[in-house]
């Protein structure tokens, strides 16, 4: 007899249902995250289309962007 199927947690279901329109890979995201944060700190509401959607489905990239945004906000006069 096979074991009962495991139920997915709501967070796992949410990640599976993320809209993939404008999808970016983690490599794409990583290549553009500095520019994204610079534009975000400058006040652009959606600096690079697709990035916000990627962050909703990828906690690692979202954490990278959040960390960079904190650093950029603390040091606005960086080169």
Protein backbone atom coordinates (compact mmCIF):
# COMPACT_ATOMS: atom_id res chain seq x y z
CA UNK A 1 0.00 0.00 0.00
CA UNK A 2 1.36 3.42 -0.92
CA UNK A 3 1.48 6.24 1.62
CA UNK A 4 -1.14 8.96 1.52
CA UNK A 5 -0.09 11.89 -0.67
CA UNK A 6 1.43 14.83 1.17
CA UNK A 7 -0.49 18.07 1.03
CA UNK A 8 1.27 21.16 -0.22
CA UNK A 9 1.57 24.07 2.16
CA UNK A 10 -0.24 27.24 1.04
CA UNK A 11 3.11 28.96 0.40
CA UNK A 12 4.17 26.17 -1.97
CA UNK A 13 0.87 26.43 -3.83
CA UNK A 14 1.27 30.22 -4.11
CA UNK A 15 4.73 29.81 -5.62
CA UNK A 16 3.45 27.28 -8.13
CA UNK A 17 0.73 29.69 -9.22
CA UNK A 18 2.96 32.76 -9.67
CA UNK A 19 2.28 34.54 -12.95
CA UNK A 20 5.19 33.74 -15.27
CA UNK A 21 4.46 36.51 -17.77
CA UNK A 22 7.72 38.36 -18.28
CA UNK A 23 9.57 35.52 -16.58
CA UNK A 24 13.21 36.04 -15.65
CA UNK A 25 15.65 33.36 -14.54
CA UNK A 26 17.75 33.82 -11.42
CA UNK A 27 20.74 34.46 -13.71
CA UNK A 28 18.77 37.20 -15.52
CA UNK A 29 17.71 38.67 -12.20
CA UNK A 30 21.20 38.58 -10.73
CA UNK A 31 22.62 40.33 -13.80
CA UNK A 32 20.15 43.22 -13.42
CA UNK A 33 19.60 43.49 -9.66
CA UNK A 34 22.08 46.37 -9.17
CA UNK A 35 20.38 48.45 -11.87
CA UNK A 36 16.95 47.51 -10.51
CA UNK A 37 17.85 48.67 -6.99
CA UNK A 38 19.44 51.89 -8.25
CA UNK A 39 16.27 52.72 -10.17
CA UNK A 40 14.02 51.68 -7.29
CA UNK A 41 15.92 53.90 -4.83
CA UNK A 42 15.66 56.73 -7.39
CA UNK A 43 11.87 56.41 -7.18
CA UNK A 44 10.89 54.44 -10.29
CA UNK A 45 7.77 52.41 -9.43
CA UNK A 46 8.52 49.39 -11.69
CA UNK A 47 12.17 49.82 -12.66
CA UNK A 48 12.61 46.63 -14.71
CA UNK A 49 9.49 44.74 -15.78
CA UNK A 50 9.49 41.15 -14.60
CA UNK A 51 11.76 41.66 -11.62
CA UNK A 52 8.99 42.14 -9.05
CA UNK A 53 7.28 38.98 -10.32
CA UNK A 54 10.53 37.06 -10.02
CA UNK A 55 10.99 38.29 -6.46
CA UNK A 56 7.49 37.09 -5.51
CA UNK A 57 8.44 33.57 -6.56
CA UNK A 58 12.11 33.52 -5.57
CA UNK A 59 12.98 34.32 -1.96
CA UNK A 60 16.74 34.13 -2.62
CA UNK A 61 16.67 36.85 -5.29
CA UNK A 62 14.17 38.89 -3.26
CA UNK A 63 16.51 38.80 -0.26
CA UNK A 64 19.46 39.87 -2.45
CA UNK A 65 17.48 42.84 -3.79
CA UNK A 66 16.22 43.81 -0.34
CA UNK A 67 19.75 43.73 1.09
CA UNK A 68 21.08 45.86 -1.77
CA UNK A 69 18.19 48.31 -1.36
CA UNK A 70 18.98 48.71 2.34
CA UNK A 71 22.64 49.31 1.58
CA UNK A 72 21.80 51.79 -1.20
CA UNK A 73 19.38 53.68 1.04
CA UNK A 74 21.98 53.90 3.82
CA UNK A 75 24.66 55.16 1.40
CA UNK A 76 22.93 57.39 -1.18
CA UNK A 77 26.18 59.00 -2.36
CA UNK A 78 27.85 55.86 -3.64
CA UNK A 79 29.53 56.07 -7.06
